[in-house]
């Protein structure tokens, strides 16, 4: 259980066995795609995912510095 006090689904960040990280959040691609800053692009296979500030701050302590 990573932050969910109700056992419901919720945003999360977790490390994969290959050292990469996966993010579960709300898909906001349709709403935010046109609002990307100048010079920022998104590949066809990428999605814009929103997670809460609390989710990222809780994950911070588990993300290695190097």
PDB file of N, CA and C in Angstrom:
ATOM      1  N   UNK A   1       0.863  -1.171   0.000  1.00  0.00           N
ATOM      2  CA  UNK A   1       0.000   0.000   0.000  1.00  0.00           C
ATOM      3  C   UNK A   1       0.905   1.228   0.000  1.00  0.00           C
ATOM      4  N   UNK A   2       0.856   2.002  -1.042  1.00  0.00           N
ATOM      5  CA  UNK A   2       1.705   3.174  -1.171  1.00  0.00           C
ATOM      6  C   UNK A   2       0.855   4.432  -1.062  1.00  0.00           C
ATOM      7  N   UNK A   3       0.457   4.786   0.122  1.00  0.00           N
ATOM      8  CA  UNK A   3      -0.261   6.026   0.318  1.00  0.00           C
ATOM      9  C   UNK A   3      -1.765   5.891   0.347  1.00  0.00           C
ATOM     10  N   UNK A   4      -2.321   4.804  -0.153  1.00  0.00           N
ATOM     11  CA  UNK A   4      -3.770   4.643  -0.162  1.00  0.00           C
ATOM     12  C   UNK A   4      -4.233   4.157   1.201  1.00  0.00           C
ATOM     13  N   UNK A   5      -4.993   4.977   1.871  1.00  0.00           N
ATOM     14  CA  UNK A   5      -5.510   4.603   3.183  1.00  0.00           C
ATOM     15  C   UNK A   5      -6.835   3.853   3.067  1.00  0.00           C
ATOM     16  N   UNK A   6      -7.441   3.883   1.864  1.00  0.00           N
ATOM     17  CA  UNK A   6      -8.767   3.278   1.693  1.00  0.00           C
ATOM     18  C   UNK A   6      -8.728   2.028   0.826  1.00  0.00           C
ATOM     19  N   UNK A   7      -7.513   1.617   0.407  1.00  0.00           N
ATOM     20  CA  UNK A   7      -7.342   0.465  -0.481  1.00  0.00           C
ATOM     21  C   UNK A   7      -7.973   0.696  -1.854  1.00  0.00           C
ATOM     22  N   UNK A   8      -8.256   1.938  -2.192  1.00  0.00           N
ATOM     23  CA  UNK A   8      -8.765   2.299  -3.513  1.00  0.00           C
ATOM     24  C   UNK A   8      -7.587   2.470  -4.452  1.00  0.00           C
ATOM     25  N   UNK A   9      -7.864   2.527  -5.736  1.00  0.00           N
ATOM     26  CA  UNK A   9      -6.797   2.843  -6.672  1.00  0.00           C
ATOM     27  C   UNK A   9      -6.434   4.300  -6.494  1.00  0.00           C
ATOM     28  N   UNK A  10      -5.183   4.629  -6.741  1.00  0.00           N
ATOM     29  CA  UNK A  10      -4.751   6.003  -6.560  1.00  0.00           C
ATOM     30  C   UNK A  10      -3.477   6.225  -7.356  1.00  0.00           C
ATOM     31  N   UNK A  11      -3.077   7.474  -7.553  1.00  0.00           N
ATOM     32  CA  UNK A  11      -1.815   7.730  -8.240  1.00  0.00           C
ATOM     33  C   UNK A  11      -0.668   7.080  -7.496  1.00  0.00           C
ATOM     34  N   UNK A  12       0.353   6.674  -8.250  1.00  0.00           N
ATOM     35  CA  UNK A  12       1.494   6.034  -7.624  1.00  0.00           C
ATOM     36  C   UNK A  12       2.694   6.140  -8.546  1.00  0.00           C
ATOM     37  N   UNK A  13       3.863   6.052  -7.971  1.00  0.00           N
ATOM     38  CA  UNK A  13       5.125   5.989  -8.696  1.00  0.00           C
ATOM     39  C   UNK A  13       5.861   4.786  -8.137  1.00  0.00           C
ATOM     40  N   UNK A  14       6.343   3.916  -9.018  1.00  0.00           N
ATOM     41  CA  UNK A  14       7.073   2.768  -8.508  1.00  0.00           C
ATOM     42  C   UNK A  14       8.220   2.412  -9.437  1.00  0.00           C
ATOM     43  N   UNK A  15       9.241   1.797  -8.848  1.00  0.00           N
ATOM     44  CA  UNK A  15      10.436   1.424  -9.587  1.00  0.00           C
ATOM     45  C   UNK A  15      10.263   0.035 -10.193  1.00  0.00           C
ATOM     46  N   UNK A  16      10.636  -0.078 -11.456  1.00  0.00           N
ATOM     47  CA  UNK A  16      10.564  -1.346 -12.161  1.00  0.00           C
ATOM     48  C   UNK A  16      11.855  -2.135 -11.939  1.00  0.00           C
ATOM     49  N   UNK A  17      11.836  -3.407 -12.246  1.00  0.00           N
ATOM     50  CA  UNK A  17      13.008  -4.248 -12.017  1.00  0.00           C
ATOM     51  C   UNK A  17      14.216  -3.815 -12.837  1.00  0.00           C
ATOM     52  N   UNK A  18      14.005  -3.079 -13.938  1.00  0.00           N
ATOM     53  CA  UNK A  18      15.132  -2.618 -14.758  1.00  0.00           C
ATOM     54  C   UNK A  18      15.665  -1.256 -14.318  1.00  0.00           C
ATOM     55  N   UNK A  19      15.119  -0.708 -13.223  1.00  0.00           N
ATOM     56  CA  UNK A  19      15.592   0.570 -12.706  1.00  0.00           C
ATOM     57  C   UNK A  19      14.814   1.775 -13.206  1.00  0.00           C
ATOM     58  N   UNK A  20      13.959   1.583 -14.205  1.00  0.00           N
ATOM     59  CA  UNK A  20      13.104   2.675 -14.666  1.00  0.00           C
ATOM     60  C   UNK A  20      11.950   2.857 -13.684  1.00  0.00           C
ATOM     61  N   UNK A  21      11.241   3.966 -13.815  1.00  0.00           N
ATOM     62  CA  UNK A  21      10.097   4.234 -12.950  1.00  0.00           C
ATOM     63  C   UNK A  21       8.822   4.282 -13.779  1.00  0.00           C
ATOM     64  N   UNK A  22       7.741   3.806 -13.224  1.00  0.00           N
ATOM     65  CA  UNK A  22       6.425   3.880 -13.850  1.00  0.00           C
ATOM     66  C   UNK A  22       5.557   4.814 -13.012  1.00  0.00           C
ATOM     67  N   UNK A  23       4.677   5.538 -13.691  1.00  0.00           N
ATOM     68  CA  UNK A  23       3.782   6.489 -13.025  1.00  0.00           C
ATOM     69  C   UNK A  23       2.347   6.131 -13.378  1.00  0.00           C
ATOM     70  N   UNK A  24       1.517   6.011 -12.343  1.00  0.00           N
ATOM     71  CA  UNK A  24       0.084   5.835 -12.553  1.00  0.00           C
ATOM     72  C   UNK A  24      -0.578   7.139 -12.115  1.00  0.00           C
ATOM     73  N   UNK A  25      -1.389   7.687 -12.981  1.00  0.00           N
ATOM     74  CA  UNK A  25      -2.076   8.926 -12.666  1.00  0.00           C
ATOM     75  C   UNK A  25      -3.234   9.134 -13.621  1.00  0.00           C
ATOM     76  N   UNK A  26      -3.773  10.313 -13.618  1.00  0.00           N
ATOM     77  CA  UNK A  26      -4.899  10.648 -14.480  1.00  0.00           C
ATOM     78  C   UNK A  26      -4.385  11.080 -15.845  1.00  0.00           C
ATOM     79  N   UNK A  27      -4.874  10.448 -16.901  1.00  0.00           N
ATOM     80  CA  UNK A  27      -4.474  10.804 -18.255  1.00  0.00           C
ATOM     81  C   UNK A  27      -5.100  12.159 -18.605  1.00  0.00           C
ATOM     82  N   UNK A  28      -4.244  13.169 -18.766  1.00  0.00           N
ATOM     83  CA  UNK A  28      -4.708  14.519 -19.072  1.00  0.00           C
ATOM     84  C   UNK A  28      -4.188  14.988 -20.428  1.00  0.00           C
ATOM     85  N   UNK A  29      -3.800  14.046 -21.285  1.00  0.00           N
ATOM     86  CA  UNK A  29      -3.205  14.382 -22.569  1.00  0.00           C
ATOM     87  C   UNK A  29      -4.108  15.294 -23.382  1.00  0.00           C
ATOM     88  N   UNK A  30      -5.358  14.944 -23.501  1.00  0.00           N
ATOM     89  CA  UNK A  30      -6.287  15.731 -24.318  1.00  0.00           C
ATOM     90  C   UNK A  30      -6.424  17.159 -23.789  1.00  0.00           C
ATOM     91  N   UNK A  31      -6.460  17.334 -22.488  1.00  0.00           N
ATOM     92  CA  UNK A  31      -6.642  18.662 -21.895  1.00  0.00           C
ATOM     93  C   UNK A  31      -5.361  19.490 -21.896  1.00  0.00           C
ATOM     94  N   UNK A  32      -4.205  18.844 -21.762  1.00  0.00           N
ATOM     95  CA  UNK A  32      -2.961  19.596 -21.572  1.00  0.00           C
ATOM     96  C   UNK A  32      -2.046  19.652 -22.787  1.00  0.00           C
ATOM     97  N   UNK A  33      -2.304  18.845 -23.802  1.00  0.00           N
ATOM     98  CA  UNK A  33      -1.415  18.771 -24.959  1.00  0.00           C
ATOM     99  C   UNK A  33      -1.182  20.147 -25.595  1.00  0.00           C
ATOM    100  N   UNK A  34      -2.218  20.908 -25.754  1.00  0.00           N
ATOM    101  CA  UNK A  34      -2.101  22.229 -26.388  1.00  0.00           C
ATOM    102  C   UNK A  34      -1.457  23.261 -25.463  1.00  0.00           C
ATOM    103  N   UNK A  35      -1.292  22.938 -24.191  1.00  0.00           N
ATOM    104  CA  UNK A  35      -0.738  23.874 -23.220  1.00  0.00           C
ATOM    105  C   UNK A  35       0.733  23.622 -22.907  1.00  0.00           C
ATOM    106  N   UNK A  36       1.355  22.672 -23.617  1.00  0.00           N
ATOM    107  CA  UNK A  36       2.766  22.399 -23.374  1.00  0.00           C
ATOM    108  C   UNK A  36       3.593  23.649 -23.666  1.00  0.00           C
ATOM    109  N   UNK A  37       4.643  23.877 -22.893  1.00  0.00           N
ATOM    110  CA  UNK A  37       5.498  25.049 -23.107  1.00  0.00           C
ATOM    111  C   UNK A  37       6.153  24.999 -24.493  1.00  0.00           C
ATOM    112  N   UNK A  38       6.534  26.155 -25.035  1.00  0.00           N
ATOM    113  CA  UNK A  38       7.211  26.186 -26.336  1.00  0.00           C
ATOM    114  C   UNK A  38       8.452  25.284 -26.322  1.00  0.00           C
ATOM    115  N   UNK A  39       8.622  24.515 -27.371  1.00  0.00           N
ATOM    116  CA  UNK A  39       9.773  23.640 -27.487  1.00  0.00           C
ATOM    117  C   UNK A  39       9.582  22.265 -26.879  1.00  0.00           C
ATOM    118  N   UNK A  40       8.505  22.057 -26.142  1.00  0.00           N
ATOM    119  CA  UNK A  40       8.230  20.761 -25.527  1.00  0.00           C
ATOM    120  C   UNK A  40       7.301  19.986 -26.452  1.00  0.00           C
ATOM    121  N   UNK A  41       7.696  18.776 -26.795  1.00  0.00           N
ATOM    122  CA  UNK A  41       6.867  17.953 -27.668  1.00  0.00           C
ATOM    123  C   UNK A  41       6.582  16.617 -27.001  1.00  0.00           C
ATOM    124  N   UNK A  42       5.553  15.958 -27.474  1.00  0.00           N
ATOM    125  CA  UNK A  42       5.129  14.661 -26.955  1.00  0.00           C
ATOM    126  C   UNK A  42       5.079  13.690 -28.122  1.00  0.00           C
ATOM    127  N   UNK A  43       5.749  12.550 -27.990  1.00  0.00           N
ATOM    128  CA  UNK A  43       5.709  11.526 -29.030  1.00  0.00           C
ATOM    129  C   UNK A  43       4.328  10.874 -29.057  1.00  0.00           C
ATOM    130  N   UNK A  44       3.992  10.274 -30.176  1.00  0.00           N
ATOM    131  CA  UNK A  44       2.675   9.642 -30.322  1.00  0.00           C
ATOM    132  C   UNK A  44       2.397   8.603 -29.246  1.00  0.00           C
ATOM    133  N   UNK A  45       3.414   7.887 -28.802  1.00  0.00           N
ATOM    134  CA  UNK A  45       3.218   6.852 -27.794  1.00  0.00           C
ATOM    135  C   UNK A  45       3.266   7.356 -26.365  1.00  0.00           C
ATOM    136  N   UNK A  46       3.436   8.652 -26.169  1.00  0.00           N
ATOM    137  CA  UNK A  46       3.516   9.226 -24.818  1.00  0.00           C
ATOM    138  C   UNK A  46       2.196   9.861 -24.423  1.00  0.00           C
ATOM    139  N   UNK A  47       1.923   9.848 -23.134  1.00  0.00           N
ATOM    140  CA  UNK A  47       0.719  10.465 -22.582  1.00  0.00           C
ATOM    141  C   UNK A  47       1.155  11.461 -21.517  1.00  0.00           C
ATOM    142  N   UNK A  48       0.364  12.490 -21.303  1.00  0.00           N
ATOM    143  CA  UNK A  48       0.590  13.435 -20.206  1.00  0.00           C
ATOM    144  C   UNK A  48      -0.227  12.924 -19.026  1.00  0.00           C
ATOM    145  N   UNK A  49       0.465  12.605 -17.945  1.00  0.00           N
ATOM    146  CA  UNK A  49      -0.183  12.026 -16.771  1.00  0.00           C
ATOM    147  C   UNK A  49      -0.043  12.995 -15.605  1.00  0.00           C
ATOM    148  N   UNK A  50      -1.129  13.243 -14.915  1.00  0.00           N
ATOM    149  CA  UNK A  50      -1.135  14.131 -13.752  1.00  0.00           C
ATOM    150  C   UNK A  50      -1.180  13.290 -12.483  1.00  0.00           C
ATOM    151  N   UNK A  51      -0.267  13.607 -11.568  1.00  0.00           N
ATOM    152  CA  UNK A  51      -0.298  13.005 -10.236  1.00  0.00           C
ATOM    153  C   UNK A  51      -0.388  14.151  -9.226  1.00  0.00           C
ATOM    154  N   UNK A  52      -0.812  13.835  -8.050  1.00  0.00           N
ATOM    155  CA  UNK A  52      -0.922  14.875  -7.035  1.00  0.00           C
ATOM    156  C   UNK A  52       0.453  15.249  -6.496  1.00  0.00           C
ATOM    157  N   UNK A  53       0.554  16.423  -5.944  1.00  0.00           N
ATOM    158  CA  UNK A  53       1.787  16.864  -5.301  1.00  0.00           C
ATOM    159  C   UNK A  53       2.152  15.899  -4.169  1.00  0.00           C
ATOM    160  N   UNK A  54       1.154  15.480  -3.416  1.00  0.00           N
ATOM    161  CA  UNK A  54       1.385  14.555  -2.300  1.00  0.00           C
ATOM    162  C   UNK A  54       2.012  13.251  -2.787  1.00  0.00           C
ATOM    163  N   UNK A  55       1.545  12.740  -3.924  1.00  0.00           N
ATOM    164  CA  UNK A  55       2.101  11.501  -4.464  1.00  0.00           C
ATOM    165  C   UNK A  55       3.583  11.661  -4.758  1.00  0.00           C
ATOM    166  N   UNK A  56       3.962  12.757  -5.411  1.00  0.00           N
ATOM    167  CA  UNK A  56       5.362  12.967  -5.752  1.00  0.00           C
ATOM    168  C   UNK A  56       6.216  13.174  -4.506  1.00  0.00           C
ATOM    169  N   UNK A  57       5.719  13.929  -3.548  1.00  0.00           N
ATOM    170  CA  UNK A  57       6.486  14.163  -2.331  1.00  0.00           C
ATOM    171  C   UNK A  57       6.686  12.877  -1.530  1.00  0.00           C
ATOM    172  N   UNK A  58       5.667  12.025  -1.503  1.00  0.00           N
ATOM    173  CA  UNK A  58       5.802  10.741  -0.795  1.00  0.00           C
ATOM    174  C   UNK A  58       6.795   9.835  -1.507  1.00  0.00           C
ATOM    175  N   UNK A  59       6.813   9.891  -2.833  1.00  0.00           N
ATOM    176  CA  UNK A  59       7.729   9.049  -3.611  1.00  0.00           C
ATOM    177  C   UNK A  59       9.166   9.533  -3.502  1.00  0.00           C
ATOM    178  N   UNK A  60       9.349  10.808  -3.261  1.00  0.00           N
ATOM    179  CA  UNK A  60      10.691  11.396  -3.234  1.00  0.00           C
ATOM    180  C   UNK A  60      11.636  10.640  -2.308  1.00  0.00           C
ATOM    181  N   UNK A  61      11.156  10.255  -1.149  1.00  0.00           N
ATOM    182  CA  UNK A  61      12.028   9.591  -0.178  1.00  0.00           C
ATOM    183  C   UNK A  61      12.489   8.201  -0.653  1.00  0.00           C
ATOM    184  N   UNK A  62      11.796   7.636  -1.636  1.00  0.00           N
ATOM    185  CA  UNK A  62      12.165   6.312  -2.148  1.00  0.00           C
ATOM    186  C   UNK A  62      12.949   6.376  -3.454  1.00  0.00           C
ATOM    187  N   UNK A  63      13.156   7.565  -4.007  1.00  0.00           N
ATOM    188  CA  UNK A  63      13.883   7.713  -5.262  1.00  0.00           C
ATOM    189  C   UNK A  63      15.345   8.000  -4.929  1.00  0.00           C
ATOM    190  N   UNK A  64      16.248   7.147  -5.427  1.00  0.00           N
ATOM    191  CA  UNK A  64      17.665   7.343  -5.121  1.00  0.00           C
ATOM    192  C   UNK A  64      18.201   8.634  -5.736  1.00  0.00           C
ATOM    193  N   UNK A  65      19.224   9.216  -5.088  1.00  0.00           N
ATOM    194  CA  UNK A  65      19.840  10.435  -5.598  1.00  0.00           C
ATOM    195  C   UNK A  65      20.665  10.172  -6.854  1.00  0.00           C
ATOM    196  N   UNK A  66      21.176   8.991  -6.996  1.00  0.00           N
ATOM    197  CA  UNK A  66      22.003   8.684  -8.173  1.00  0.00           C
ATOM    198  C   UNK A  66      21.646   7.341  -8.751  1.00  0.00           C
TER     199      UNK A  66
END
